[in-house]
Amino acid sequence: MIRRKAVVVTHRRIRSSGNVVSEAVEHLQESGFTVKVIDNLEAPAYGAQPRVVDDDTEIVVVLGGDGTMLGAAELVKCTNVPIVGINLGHVGFLAEFESFQMSEAIGKIADRDYSIDARMVAHVDVWLPESKQPITDWALNDMTLERSDRGKMVELSIRVNDVEMSSFGCDGVIVATPTGSTAYAFSAGGPIVWPDVQALQMVPLAAHALFARPLIIGSSSTFTFDVLDESTSDGWICCDGRRQRWVPKGSRVLVRESRDRLRLARLSGTSFTKRLVTKFSLPVIGWRESRHYEGQFGNMSYEQSRRPEGAETILGSVDSSAKASYDRPVQDAADGDANA
């Protein structure tokens, strides 16, 4: 009998603080897997080739939050091995299931009851002054080019397809994939981009300029950033919050779509829109609609009134906590920005 291979990636703190990791390993072993556990994913140097899993690995199971997922993504880069997350962190936007759904998730993994979501990856080249070869890296979520001196600004020239668009002093810029559009770029005011859109977005950070809005380019286009010689600070680049290095004045950074794809295993079939509503606790009922709703359906909840007859509640549906928001729409609107 051929043993199936799985790699479990987690954090050392999670592994030592409870039984969740050992229970997951036990479930996988009972399902016929040989399991290897990795709980010490240190970030490699920028441009370094990280270790990868063996080609005969069937799946990588991540127990943790989005940071652990980004670290585990390094293990499957340039391979066809899929990765799936079970959220033990906070938001866990990249994770497919929550911790209380562990048995269900592993059952689907054992039955190969999942689909593959091929996510776009950004290719990043750093050309240092006078260099003849770039230092190459990549990003599943985002690349940030920021000031290296916390008390100063970095002066950047920004090009799209080698056409200069703007130049300004700023704290930095973020270039995010659709996957990363719900992360740092979202916090900085960028739009959410659905995963099936093949595009890159650039979001300036505290730019000292009249025109400094987010830009979205197609998958065949390229962002180019020059750290100007007259900049008061050098640059600092970081990919996925992990791989980073100093970028001196006179350097150039190019970001484009990579030919590689990262394979996320999807177990639940929940749409991105429902995931968005659930993870961000979006107030799906506006205050106008809430006022109109009051008293219209007797004792029936608003969720029940809108659900087709016989339909079951699914991830992303309005729940009791969301219903509570109908009674305090003004407060929720104020809290929404803080919670984002």
C-alpha atoms as a PDB file:
ATOM      1  CA  MET A   1       0.000   0.000   0.000  1.00  0.00           C
ATOM      2  CA  ILE A   2       1.396   3.389  -1.058  1.00  0.00           C
ATOM      3  CA  ARG A   3       1.476   5.842   1.806  1.00  0.00           C
ATOM      4  CA  ARG A   4       0.221   9.326   1.050  1.00  0.00           C
ATOM      5  CA  LYS A   5       2.404  12.215   2.195  1.00  0.00           C
ATOM      6  CA  ALA A   6       1.209  15.376   3.919  1.00  0.00           C
ATOM      7  CA  VAL A   7       3.110  18.251   5.514  1.00  0.00           C
ATOM      8  CA  VAL A   8       1.589  20.086   8.472  1.00  0.00           C
ATOM      9  CA  VAL A   9       2.868  23.636   8.932  1.00  0.00           C
ATOM     10  CA  THR A  10       2.169  25.450  12.183  1.00  0.00           C
ATOM     11  CA  HIS A  11       3.725  27.756  14.745  1.00  0.00           C
ATOM     12  CA  ARG A  12       5.794  26.453  17.621  1.00  0.00           C
ATOM     13  CA  ARG A  13       3.622  28.372  20.082  1.00  0.00           C
ATOM     14  CA  ILE A  14       0.465  26.678  18.750  1.00  0.00           C
ATOM     15  CA  ARG A  15       2.071  23.245  18.858  1.00  0.00           C
ATOM     16  CA  SER A  16       3.132  23.642  22.488  1.00  0.00           C
ATOM     17  CA  SER A  17      -0.028  25.319  23.797  1.00  0.00           C
ATOM     18  CA  GLY A  18      -2.587  22.559  23.193  1.00  0.00           C
ATOM     19  CA  ASN A  19      -3.552  19.351  21.455  1.00  0.00           C
ATOM     20  CA  VAL A  20      -4.856  20.777  18.183  1.00  0.00           C
ATOM     21  CA  VAL A  21      -1.721  19.953  16.164  1.00  0.00           C
ATOM     22  CA  SER A  22      -1.366  16.426  17.543  1.00  0.00           C
ATOM     23  CA  GLU A  23      -5.069  15.799  16.883  1.00  0.00           C
ATOM     24  CA  ALA A  24      -4.716  16.970  13.272  1.00  0.00           C
ATOM     25  CA  VAL A  25      -1.675  14.753  12.750  1.00  0.00           C
ATOM     26  CA  GLU A  26      -3.510  11.801  14.275  1.00  0.00           C
ATOM     27  CA  HIS A  27      -6.519  12.347  11.980  1.00  0.00           C
ATOM     28  CA  LEU A  28      -4.266  12.492   8.928  1.00  0.00           C
ATOM     29  CA  GLN A  29      -2.388   9.352   9.943  1.00  0.00           C
ATOM     30  CA  GLU A  30      -5.658   7.505  10.485  1.00  0.00           C
ATOM     31  CA  SER A  31      -6.613   8.554   6.945  1.00  0.00           C
ATOM     32  CA  GLY A  32      -3.499   6.907   5.519  1.00  0.00           C
ATOM     33  CA  PHE A  33      -1.031   9.806   5.446  1.00  0.00           C
ATOM     34  CA  THR A  34       2.591   9.895   6.442  1.00  0.00           C
ATOM     35  CA  VAL A  35       2.866  13.292   8.146  1.00  0.00           C
ATOM     36  CA  LYS A  36       5.789  15.671   8.562  1.00  0.00           C
ATOM     37  CA  VAL A  37       5.341  18.621  10.940  1.00  0.00           C
ATOM     38  CA  ILE A  38       7.165  21.952  10.466  1.00  0.00           C
ATOM     39  CA  ASP A  39       6.775  24.525  13.247  1.00  0.00           C
ATOM     40  CA  ASN A  40       9.805  26.767  12.773  1.00  0.00           C
ATOM     41  CA  LEU A  41       9.387  28.616   9.480  1.00  0.00           C
ATOM     42  CA  GLU A  42      12.042  31.308   9.647  1.00  0.00           C
ATOM     43  CA  ALA A  43      11.954  33.906   6.892  1.00  0.00           C
ATOM     44  CA  PRO A  44      14.701  33.403   4.293  1.00  0.00           C
ATOM     45  CA  ALA A  45      16.810  36.273   3.028  1.00  0.00           C
ATOM     46  CA  TYR A  46      15.398  38.357   0.219  1.00  0.00           C
ATOM     47  CA  GLY A  47      16.158  36.658  -3.091  1.00  0.00           C
ATOM     48  CA  ALA A  48      17.105  33.345  -1.472  1.00  0.00           C
ATOM     49  CA  GLN A  49      15.485  30.135  -2.650  1.00  0.00           C
ATOM     50  CA  PRO A  50      13.567  28.736   0.336  1.00  0.00           C
ATOM     51  CA  ARG A  51      13.326  25.031   1.041  1.00  0.00           C
ATOM     52  CA  VAL A  52      10.435  23.312  -0.701  1.00  0.00           C
ATOM     53  CA  VAL A  53       8.449  20.166   0.026  1.00  0.00           C
ATOM     54  CA  ASP A  54       9.129  16.902  -1.786  1.00  0.00           C
ATOM     55  CA  ASP A  55       7.452  16.543  -5.162  1.00  0.00           C
ATOM     56  CA  ASP A  56       5.483  13.506  -3.978  1.00  0.00           C
ATOM     57  CA  THR A  57       3.819  15.499  -1.181  1.00  0.00           C
ATOM     58  CA  GLU A  58       0.065  15.358  -1.727  1.00  0.00           C
ATOM     59  CA  ILE A  59      -0.919  18.428   0.287  1.00  0.00           C
ATOM     60  CA  VAL A  60       0.349  20.993   2.791  1.00  0.00           C
ATOM     61  CA  VAL A  61      -2.009  21.633   5.710  1.00  0.00           C
ATOM     62  CA  VAL A  62      -1.499  24.910   7.574  1.00  0.00           C
ATOM     63  CA  LEU A  63      -2.644  25.282  11.188  1.00  0.00           C
ATOM     64  CA  GLY A  64      -2.417  28.966  12.055  1.00  0.00           C
ATOM     65  CA  GLY A  65      -3.244  32.397  10.709  1.00  0.00           C
ATOM     66  CA  ASP A  66      -2.469  34.250   7.501  1.00  0.00           C
ATOM     67  CA  GLY A  67       1.157  34.820   8.516  1.00  0.00           C
ATOM     68  CA  THR A  68       1.698  31.082   8.825  1.00  0.00           C
ATOM     69  CA  MET A  69      -0.010  30.598   5.443  1.00  0.00           C
ATOM     70  CA  LEU A  70       2.394  33.065   3.808  1.00  0.00           C
ATOM     71  CA  GLY A  71       5.351  31.248   5.312  1.00  0.00           C
ATOM     72  CA  ALA A  72       4.003  27.881   4.203  1.00  0.00           C
ATOM     73  CA  ALA A  73       3.538  29.251   0.683  1.00  0.00           C
ATOM     74  CA  GLU A  74       7.328  29.349   0.409  1.00  0.00           C
ATOM     75  CA  LEU A  75       7.369  25.559   0.784  1.00  0.00           C
ATOM     76  CA  VAL A  76       5.205  25.007  -2.302  1.00  0.00           C
ATOM     77  CA  LYS A  77       6.635  27.748  -4.527  1.00  0.00           C
ATOM     78  CA  CYS A  78       7.509  26.356  -7.978  1.00  0.00           C
ATOM     79  CA  THR A  79       5.708  23.083  -7.220  1.00  0.00           C
ATOM     80  CA  ASN A  80       2.257  21.683  -8.002  1.00  0.00           C
ATOM     81  CA  VAL A  81       1.570  20.825  -4.362  1.00  0.00           C
ATOM     82  CA  PRO A  82      -1.659  22.435  -3.072  1.00  0.00           C
ATOM     83  CA  ILE A  83      -1.922  24.178   0.277  1.00  0.00           C
ATOM     84  CA  VAL A  84      -4.936  24.457   2.589  1.00  0.00           C
ATOM     85  CA  GLY A  85      -5.373  26.483   5.770  1.00  0.00           C
ATOM     86  CA  ILE A  86      -7.272  25.795   8.984  1.00  0.00           C
ATOM     87  CA  ASN A  87      -7.497  29.078  10.840  1.00  0.00           C
ATOM     88  CA  LEU A  88      -6.086  29.250  14.357  1.00  0.00           C
ATOM     89  CA  GLY A  89      -5.265  32.955  14.127  1.00  0.00           C
ATOM     90  CA  HIS A  90      -7.343  36.129  13.937  1.00  0.00           C
ATOM     91  CA  VAL A  91      -8.926  36.978  10.574  1.00  0.00           C
ATOM     92  CA  GLY A  92      -7.502  34.012   8.683  1.00  0.00           C
ATOM     93  CA  PHE A  93      -8.583  35.290   5.281  1.00  0.00           C
ATOM     94  CA  LEU A  94      -6.472  32.738   3.416  1.00  0.00           C
ATOM     95  CA  ALA A  95      -7.684  29.831   5.540  1.00  0.00           C
ATOM     96  CA  GLU A  96     -10.443  27.550   4.309  1.00  0.00           C
ATOM     97  CA  PHE A  97     -11.843  26.310   7.639  1.00  0.00           C
ATOM     98  CA  GLU A  98     -11.922  27.340  11.282  1.00  0.00           C
ATOM     99  CA  SER A  99     -10.401  25.227  14.061  1.00  0.00           C
ATOM    100  CA  PHE A 100     -13.738  23.724  15.160  1.00  0.00           C
ATOM    101  CA  GLN A 101     -14.137  22.290  11.634  1.00  0.00           C
ATOM    102  CA  MET A 102     -10.901  20.291  11.839  1.00  0.00           C
ATOM    103  CA  SER A 103     -12.444  16.828  11.453  1.00  0.00           C
ATOM    104  CA  GLU A 104     -14.572  17.893   8.504  1.00  0.00           C
ATOM    105  CA  ALA A 105     -11.576  19.512   6.793  1.00  0.00           C
ATOM    106  CA  ILE A 106      -9.316  16.481   7.192  1.00  0.00           C
ATOM    107  CA  GLY A 107     -12.098  14.199   6.007  1.00  0.00           C
ATOM    108  CA  LYS A 108     -12.336  16.192   2.774  1.00  0.00           C
ATOM    109  CA  ILE A 109      -8.555  16.153   2.403  1.00  0.00           C
ATOM    110  CA  ALA A 110      -8.497  12.376   2.842  1.00  0.00           C
ATOM    111  CA  ASP A 111     -11.260  11.956   0.241  1.00  0.00           C
ATOM    112  CA  ARG A 112      -9.585  14.454  -2.109  1.00  0.00           C
ATOM    113  CA  ASP A 113     -12.877  16.321  -1.970  1.00  0.00           C
ATOM    114  CA  TYR A 114     -11.526  19.729  -2.930  1.00  0.00           C
ATOM    115  CA  SER A 115     -10.982  21.995  -5.881  1.00  0.00           C
ATOM    116  CA  ILE A 116      -7.846  23.945  -6.784  1.00  0.00           C
ATOM    117  CA  ASP A 117      -7.798  27.735  -6.839  1.00  0.00           C
ATOM    118  CA  ALA A 118      -4.706  28.876  -8.767  1.00  0.00           C
ATOM    119  CA  ARG A 119      -3.718  32.254  -7.304  1.00  0.00           C
ATOM    120  CA  MET A 120      -1.693  34.897  -9.100  1.00  0.00           C
ATOM    121  CA  VAL A 121       1.814  35.596  -7.777  1.00  0.00           C
ATOM    122  CA  ALA A 122       3.844  38.789  -8.261  1.00  0.00           C
ATOM    123  CA  HIS A 123       7.409  38.610  -9.606  1.00  0.00           C
ATOM    124  CA  VAL A 124       9.747  41.207  -8.055  1.00  0.00           C
ATOM    125  CA  ASP A 125      13.151  42.294  -9.395  1.00  0.00           C
ATOM    126  CA  VAL A 126      15.503  44.636  -7.518  1.00  0.00           C
ATOM    127  CA  TRP A 127      18.234  46.262  -9.616  1.00  0.00           C
ATOM    128  CA  LEU A 128      20.899  47.758  -7.363  1.00  0.00           C
ATOM    129  CA  PRO A 129      23.036  50.657  -8.692  1.00  0.00           C
ATOM    130  CA  GLU A 130      25.588  49.451 -11.242  1.00  0.00           C
ATOM    131  CA  SER A 131      24.346  45.856 -10.976  1.00  0.00           C
ATOM    132  CA  LYS A 132      24.185  43.624 -14.064  1.00  0.00           C
ATOM    133  CA  GLN A 133      21.689  41.116 -12.660  1.00  0.00           C
ATOM    134  CA  PRO A 134      18.576  41.692 -10.553  1.00  0.00           C
ATOM    135  CA  ILE A 135      17.885  40.178  -7.165  1.00  0.00           C
ATOM    136  CA  THR A 136      14.650  38.286  -7.751  1.00  0.00           C
ATOM    137  CA  ASP A 137      11.888  37.462  -5.339  1.00  0.00           C
ATOM    138  CA  TRP A 138       8.098  37.056  -5.386  1.00  0.00           C
ATOM    139  CA  ALA A 139       4.946  37.813  -3.414  1.00  0.00           C
ATOM    140  CA  LEU A 140       1.664  36.005  -2.924  1.00  0.00           C
ATOM    141  CA  ASN A 141       0.151  38.913  -0.958  1.00  0.00           C
ATOM    142  CA  ASP A 142       2.172  42.058  -1.484  1.00  0.00           C
ATOM    143  CA  MET A 143       5.476  43.800  -1.963  1.00  0.00           C
ATOM    144  CA  THR A 144       6.182  46.957   0.024  1.00  0.00           C
ATOM    145  CA  LEU A 145       8.891  49.481  -0.852  1.00  0.00           C
ATOM    146  CA  GLU A 146       9.239  51.814   2.118  1.00  0.00           C
ATOM    147  CA  ARG A 147      11.631  54.342   3.629  1.00  0.00           C
ATOM    148  CA  SER A 148      14.542  52.804   5.505  1.00  0.00           C
ATOM    149  CA  ASP A 149      14.900  55.896   7.718  1.00  0.00           C
ATOM    150  CA  ARG A 150      11.781  56.126   9.892  1.00  0.00           C
ATOM    151  CA  GLY A 151      12.156  59.910  10.316  1.00  0.00           C
ATOM    152  CA  LYS A 152      12.360  60.776   6.603  1.00  0.00           C
ATOM    153  CA  MET A 153      10.589  60.180   3.307  1.00  0.00           C
ATOM    154  CA  VAL A 154      11.664  58.097   0.344  1.00  0.00           C
ATOM    155  CA  GLU A 155      11.492  59.833  -3.041  1.00  0.00           C
ATOM    156  CA  LEU A 156      10.143  57.523  -5.729  1.00  0.00           C
ATOM    157  CA  SER A 157       9.575  57.771  -9.454  1.00  0.00           C
ATOM    158  CA  ILE A 158       6.704  55.541 -10.604  1.00  0.00           C
ATOM    159  CA  ARG A 159       6.326  54.096 -14.086  1.00  0.00           C
ATOM    160  CA  VAL A 160       3.763  51.825 -15.700  1.00  0.00           C
ATOM    161  CA  ASN A 161       4.992  49.947 -18.773  1.00  0.00           C
ATOM    162  CA  ASP A 162       8.033  52.263 -18.759  1.00  0.00           C
ATOM    163  CA  VAL A 163       5.880  55.386 -18.985  1.00  0.00           C
ATOM    164  CA  GLU A 164       6.435  57.763 -16.065  1.00  0.00           C
ATOM    165  CA  MET A 165       3.189  58.271 -14.125  1.00  0.00           C
ATOM    166  CA  SER A 166       4.280  60.256 -11.099  1.00  0.00           C
ATOM    167  CA  SER A 167       7.017  60.972  -8.592  1.00  0.00           C
ATOM    168  CA  PHE A 168       6.694  61.984  -4.966  1.00  0.00           C
ATOM    169  CA  GLY A 169       8.055  61.651  -1.485  1.00  0.00           C
ATOM    170  CA  CYS A 170       6.199  59.149   0.673  1.00  0.00           C
ATOM    171  CA  ASP A 171       6.414  56.602   3.423  1.00  0.00           C
ATOM    172  CA  GLY A 172       6.382  53.992   0.679  1.00  0.00           C
ATOM    173  CA  VAL A 173       4.185  52.085  -1.760  1.00  0.00           C
ATOM    174  CA  ILE A 174       2.414  48.737  -1.682  1.00  0.00           C
ATOM    175  CA  VAL A 175       1.992  46.528  -4.735  1.00  0.00           C
ATOM    176  CA  ALA A 176      -0.587  43.841  -4.022  1.00  0.00           C
ATOM    177  CA  THR A 177      -1.982  40.859  -5.881  1.00  0.00           C
ATOM    178  CA  PRO A 178      -5.735  40.207  -5.750  1.00  0.00           C
ATOM    179  CA  THR A 179      -5.014  37.789  -2.902  1.00  0.00           C
ATOM    180  CA  GLY A 180      -3.229  40.556  -0.983  1.00  0.00           C
ATOM    181  CA  SER A 181      -5.834  43.211  -1.726  1.00  0.00           C
ATOM    182  CA  THR A 182      -7.617  42.354   1.547  1.00  0.00           C
ATOM    183  CA  ALA A 183      -4.438  42.770   3.604  1.00  0.00           C
ATOM    184  CA  TYR A 184      -2.001  45.722   3.898  1.00  0.00           C
ATOM    185  CA  ALA A 185      -3.286  47.371   0.700  1.00  0.00           C
ATOM    186  CA  PHE A 186      -6.837  47.356   2.049  1.00  0.00           C
ATOM    187  CA  SER A 187      -5.690  48.934   5.329  1.00  0.00           C
ATOM    188  CA  ALA A 188      -3.964  51.687   3.329  1.00  0.00           C
ATOM    189  CA  GLY A 189      -7.135  52.537   1.397  1.00  0.00           C
ATOM    190  CA  GLY A 190      -6.829  50.282  -1.633  1.00  0.00           C
ATOM    191  CA  PRO A 191      -9.796  48.502  -3.229  1.00  0.00           C
ATOM    192  CA  ILE A 192     -10.654  44.846  -2.759  1.00  0.00           C
ATOM    193  CA  VAL A 193      -9.924  42.880  -5.941  1.00  0.00           C
ATOM    194  CA  TRP A 194     -11.647  39.545  -6.518  1.00  0.00           C
ATOM    195  CA  PRO A 195      -9.188  36.624  -6.848  1.00  0.00           C
ATOM    196  CA  ASP A 196     -10.196  35.750 -10.409  1.00  0.00           C
ATOM    197  CA  VAL A 197      -9.127  39.209 -11.623  1.00  0.00           C
ATOM    198  CA  GLN A 198      -5.620  39.032 -13.060  1.00  0.00           C
ATOM    199  CA  ALA A 199      -4.235  42.406 -12.004  1.00  0.00           C
ATOM    200  CA  LEU A 200      -1.803  44.193  -9.714  1.00  0.00           C
ATOM    201  CA  GLN A 201      -2.623  47.234  -7.623  1.00  0.00           C
ATOM    202  CA  MET A 202      -0.338  49.956  -6.290  1.00  0.00           C
ATOM    203  CA  VAL A 203      -1.274  51.925  -3.169  1.00  0.00           C
ATOM    204  CA  PRO A 204       0.867  54.901  -2.035  1.00  0.00           C
ATOM    205  CA  LEU A 205       1.594  55.318   1.673  1.00  0.00           C
ATOM    206  CA  ALA A 206       1.282  58.912   2.930  1.00  0.00           C
ATOM    207  CA  ALA A 207       2.406  60.386  -0.388  1.00  0.00           C
ATOM    208  CA  HIS A 208       3.206  64.126  -0.427  1.00  0.00           C
ATOM    209  CA  ALA A 209       1.457  64.768  -3.739  1.00  0.00           C
ATOM    210  CA  LEU A 210      -1.804  66.074  -5.198  1.00  0.00           C
ATOM    211  CA  PHE A 211      -2.266  62.946  -7.300  1.00  0.00           C
ATOM    212  CA  ALA A 212      -1.483  59.855  -5.285  1.00  0.00           C
ATOM    213  CA  ARG A 213      -4.336  57.439  -5.790  1.00  0.00           C
ATOM    214  CA  PRO A 214      -4.281  53.634  -6.002  1.00  0.00           C
ATOM    215  CA  LEU A 215      -3.604  52.283  -9.485  1.00  0.00           C
ATOM    216  CA  ILE A 216      -4.656  48.930 -10.927  1.00  0.00           C
ATOM    217  CA  ILE A 217      -2.868  47.494 -13.951  1.00  0.00           C
ATOM    218  CA  GLY A 218      -3.501  44.417 -16.057  1.00  0.00           C
ATOM    219  CA  SER A 219      -1.551  41.195 -15.824  1.00  0.00           C
ATOM    220  CA  SER A 220       0.599  42.041 -18.861  1.00  0.00           C
ATOM    221  CA  SER A 221       1.720  45.384 -17.395  1.00  0.00           C
ATOM    222  CA  THR A 222       4.638  46.256 -15.116  1.00  0.00           C
ATOM    223  CA  PHE A 223       5.190  48.668 -12.238  1.00  0.00           C
ATOM    224  CA  THR A 224       8.645  50.258 -12.020  1.00  0.00           C
ATOM    225  CA  PHE A 225       9.868  52.216  -8.987  1.00  0.00           C
ATOM    226  CA  ASP A 226      13.119  54.198  -8.931  1.00  0.00           C
ATOM    227  CA  VAL A 227      14.560  55.276  -5.583  1.00  0.00           C
ATOM    228  CA  LEU A 228      15.750  58.717  -6.649  1.00  0.00           C
ATOM    229  CA  ASP A 229      19.308  59.857  -5.982  1.00  0.00           C
ATOM    230  CA  GLU A 230      17.987  62.991  -4.235  1.00  0.00           C
ATOM    231  CA  SER A 231      15.827  60.970  -1.855  1.00  0.00           C
ATOM    232  CA  THR A 232      16.356  61.807   1.821  1.00  0.00           C
ATOM    233  CA  SER A 233      16.111  58.126   2.701  1.00  0.00           C
ATOM    234  CA  ASP A 234      17.131  54.845   1.143  1.00  0.00           C
ATOM    235  CA  GLY A 235      14.442  52.257   0.510  1.00  0.00           C
ATOM    236  CA  TRP A 236      13.518  49.022   2.234  1.00  0.00           C
ATOM    237  CA  ILE A 237      11.720  46.222   0.394  1.00  0.00           C
ATOM    238  CA  CYS A 238       9.678  43.439   1.929  1.00  0.00           C
ATOM    239  CA  CYS A 239       7.720  40.622   0.259  1.00  0.00           C
ATOM    240  CA  ASP A 240       4.769  39.056   2.101  1.00  0.00           C
ATOM    241  CA  GLY A 241       5.981  40.573   5.358  1.00  0.00           C
ATOM    242  CA  ARG A 242       8.879  38.089   5.403  1.00  0.00           C
ATOM    243  CA  ARG A 243      11.695  38.406   2.873  1.00  0.00           C
ATOM    244  CA  GLN A 244      13.321  41.834   3.009  1.00  0.00           C
ATOM    245  CA  ARG A 245      16.423  43.881   2.317  1.00  0.00           C
ATOM    246  CA  TRP A 246      17.878  47.376   2.078  1.00  0.00           C
ATOM    247  CA  VAL A 247      17.415  49.200  -1.256  1.00  0.00           C
ATOM    248  CA  PRO A 248      19.900  52.096  -1.673  1.00  0.00           C
ATOM    249  CA  LYS A 249      19.296  55.305  -3.615  1.00  0.00           C
ATOM    250  CA  GLY A 250      19.647  54.791  -7.344  1.00  0.00           C
ATOM    251  CA  SER A 251      18.014  51.346  -7.236  1.00  0.00           C
ATOM    252  CA  ARG A 252      15.132  50.222  -9.400  1.00  0.00           C
ATOM    253  CA  VAL A 253      12.324  47.812  -8.458  1.00  0.00           C
ATOM    254  CA  LEU A 254      10.166  46.096 -11.105  1.00  0.00           C
ATOM    255  CA  VAL A 255       6.963  44.236 -10.239  1.00  0.00           C
ATOM    256  CA  ARG A 256       5.002  42.149 -12.727  1.00  0.00           C
ATOM    257  CA  GLU A 257       2.877  39.035 -12.888  1.00  0.00           C
ATOM    258  CA  SER A 258       4.794  35.804 -12.336  1.00  0.00           C
ATOM    259  CA  ARG A 259       4.379  32.769 -14.557  1.00  0.00           C
ATOM    260  CA  ASP A 260       4.010  30.683 -11.397  1.00  0.00           C
ATOM    261  CA  ARG A 261       0.726  30.112  -9.615  1.00  0.00           C
ATOM    262  CA  LEU A 262       0.109  29.114  -6.026  1.00  0.00           C
ATOM    263  CA  ARG A 263      -2.420  26.287  -5.683  1.00  0.00           C
ATOM    264  CA  LEU A 264      -4.910  26.808  -2.851  1.00  0.00           C
ATOM    265  CA  ALA A 265      -7.116  23.813  -2.064  1.00  0.00           C
ATOM    266  CA  ARG A 266     -10.738  24.833  -1.643  1.00  0.00           C
ATOM    267  CA  LEU A 267     -12.777  22.453   0.518  1.00  0.00           C
ATOM    268  CA  SER A 268     -15.984  24.313   1.292  1.00  0.00           C
ATOM    269  CA  GLY A 269     -17.132  25.781  -2.012  1.00  0.00           C
ATOM    270  CA  THR A 270     -17.856  29.078  -0.237  1.00  0.00           C
ATOM    271  CA  SER A 271     -17.627  32.010  -2.634  1.00  0.00           C
ATOM    272  CA  PHE A 272     -15.162  34.852  -2.126  1.00  0.00           C
ATOM    273  CA  THR A 273     -18.048  37.268  -1.596  1.00  0.00           C
ATOM    274  CA  LYS A 274     -19.459  35.198   1.274  1.00  0.00           C
ATOM    275  CA  ARG A 275     -15.988  34.861   2.751  1.00  0.00           C
ATOM    276  CA  LEU A 276     -15.589  38.639   2.540  1.00  0.00           C
ATOM    277  CA  VAL A 277     -18.883  39.254   4.335  1.00  0.00           C
ATOM    278  CA  THR A 278     -18.025  36.746   7.072  1.00  0.00           C
ATOM    279  CA  LYS A 279     -14.382  37.637   7.722  1.00  0.00           C
ATOM    280  CA  PHE A 280     -14.989  41.401   7.778  1.00  0.00           C
ATOM    281  CA  SER A 281     -18.385  41.099   9.513  1.00  0.00           C
ATOM    282  CA  LEU A 282     -19.845  43.394   6.869  1.00  0.00           C
ATOM    283  CA  PRO A 283     -23.103  45.150   7.830  1.00  0.00           C
ATOM    284  CA  VAL A 284     -25.124  43.666   4.983  1.00  0.00           C
ATOM    285  CA  ILE A 285     -28.264  45.464   6.144  1.00  0.00           C
ATOM    286  CA  GLY A 286     -28.047  49.243   5.771  1.00  0.00           C
ATOM    287  CA  TRP A 287     -29.746  51.549   8.256  1.00  0.00           C
ATOM    288  CA  ARG A 288     -32.355  52.643   5.696  1.00  0.00           C
ATOM    289  CA  GLU A 289     -33.263  49.032   4.950  1.00  0.00           C
ATOM    290  CA  SER A 290     -33.311  48.246   8.653  1.00  0.00           C
ATOM    291  CA  ARG A 291     -35.803  51.038   9.392  1.00  0.00           C
ATOM    292  CA  HIS A 292     -38.061  49.894   6.571  1.00  0.00           C
ATOM    293  CA  TYR A 293     -37.812  46.299   7.761  1.00  0.00           C
ATOM    294  CA  GLU A 294     -38.939  46.931  11.347  1.00  0.00           C
ATOM    295  CA  GLY A 295     -42.362  45.454  11.933  1.00  0.00           C
ATOM    296  CA  GLN A 296     -42.838  44.222   8.377  1.00  0.00           C
ATOM    297  CA  PHE A 297     -42.386  40.503   9.001  1.00  0.00           C
ATOM    298  CA  GLY A 298     -43.807  39.944  12.467  1.00  0.00           C
ATOM    299  CA  ASN A 299     -41.660  37.552  14.484  1.00  0.00           C
ATOM    300  CA  MET A 300     -39.749  36.362  11.417  1.00  0.00           C
ATOM    301  CA  SER A 301     -36.106  37.468  11.333  1.00  0.00           C
ATOM    302  CA  TYR A 302     -34.848  39.517   8.436  1.00  0.00           C
ATOM    303  CA  GLU A 303     -32.532  36.660   7.448  1.00  0.00           C
ATOM    304  CA  GLN A 304     -35.460  34.252   7.271  1.00  0.00           C
ATOM    305  CA  SER A 305     -37.524  36.685   5.230  1.00  0.00           C
ATOM    306  CA  ARG A 306     -34.866  36.878   2.533  1.00  0.00           C
ATOM    307  CA  ARG A 307     -33.803  33.228   2.475  1.00  0.00           C
ATOM    308  CA  PRO A 308     -35.441  31.003  -0.164  1.00  0.00           C
ATOM    309  CA  GLU A 309     -37.815  28.470   1.362  1.00  0.00           C
ATOM    310  CA  GLY A 310     -35.952  25.351   2.463  1.00  0.00           C
ATOM    311  CA  ALA A 311     -32.513  26.952   2.105  1.00  0.00           C
ATOM    312  CA  GLU A 312     -30.016  26.381   4.892  1.00  0.00           C
ATOM    313  CA  THR A 313     -27.792  28.961   6.503  1.00  0.00           C
ATOM    314  CA  ILE A 314     -24.332  28.990   4.942  1.00  0.00           C
ATOM    315  CA  LEU A 315     -21.085  30.710   5.686  1.00  0.00           C
ATOM    316  CA  GLY A 316     -21.571  34.402   5.133  1.00  0.00           C
ATOM    317  CA  SER A 317     -25.311  34.481   5.879  1.00  0.00           C
ATOM    318  CA  VAL A 318     -26.688  37.025   8.292  1.00  0.00           C
ATOM    319  CA  ASP A 319     -26.494  35.587  11.804  1.00  0.00           C
ATOM    320  CA  SER A 320     -27.643  36.710  15.215  1.00  0.00           C
ATOM    321  CA  SER A 321     -24.636  38.980  15.667  1.00  0.00           C
ATOM    322  CA  ALA A 322     -25.364  40.658  12.357  1.00  0.00           C
ATOM    323  CA  LYS A 323     -29.043  40.977  13.339  1.00  0.00           C
ATOM    324  CA  ALA A 324     -27.933  42.888  16.400  1.00  0.00           C
ATOM    325  CA  SER A 325     -26.410  45.460  14.065  1.00  0.00           C
ATOM    326  CA  TYR A 326     -29.883  46.371  12.766  1.00  0.00           C
ATOM    327  CA  ASP A 327     -30.673  47.965  16.127  1.00  0.00           C
ATOM    328  CA  ARG A 328     -27.562  50.170  16.241  1.00  0.00           C
ATOM    329  CA  PRO A 329     -26.679  51.087  12.647  1.00  0.00           C
ATOM    330  CA  VAL A 330     -25.022  54.405  13.490  1.00  0.00           C
ATOM    331  CA  GLN A 331     -22.722  52.834  16.069  1.00  0.00           C
ATOM    332  CA  ASP A 332     -21.795  49.970  13.747  1.00  0.00           C
ATOM    333  CA  ALA A 333     -20.911  52.394  10.984  1.00  0.00           C
ATOM    334  CA  ALA A 334     -18.502  54.122  13.320  1.00  0.00           C
ATOM    335  CA  ASP A 335     -17.052  50.848  14.594  1.00  0.00           C
ATOM    336  CA  GLY A 336     -16.546  49.475  11.110  1.00  0.00           C
ATOM    337  CA  ASP A 337     -13.561  51.659  10.327  1.00  0.00           C
ATOM    338  CA  ALA A 338     -11.895  50.900  13.640  1.00  0.00           C
ATOM    339  CA  ASN A 339     -12.354  47.170  13.212  1.00  0.00           C
ATOM    340  CA  ALA A 340     -10.998  47.194   9.667  1.00  0.00           C
END
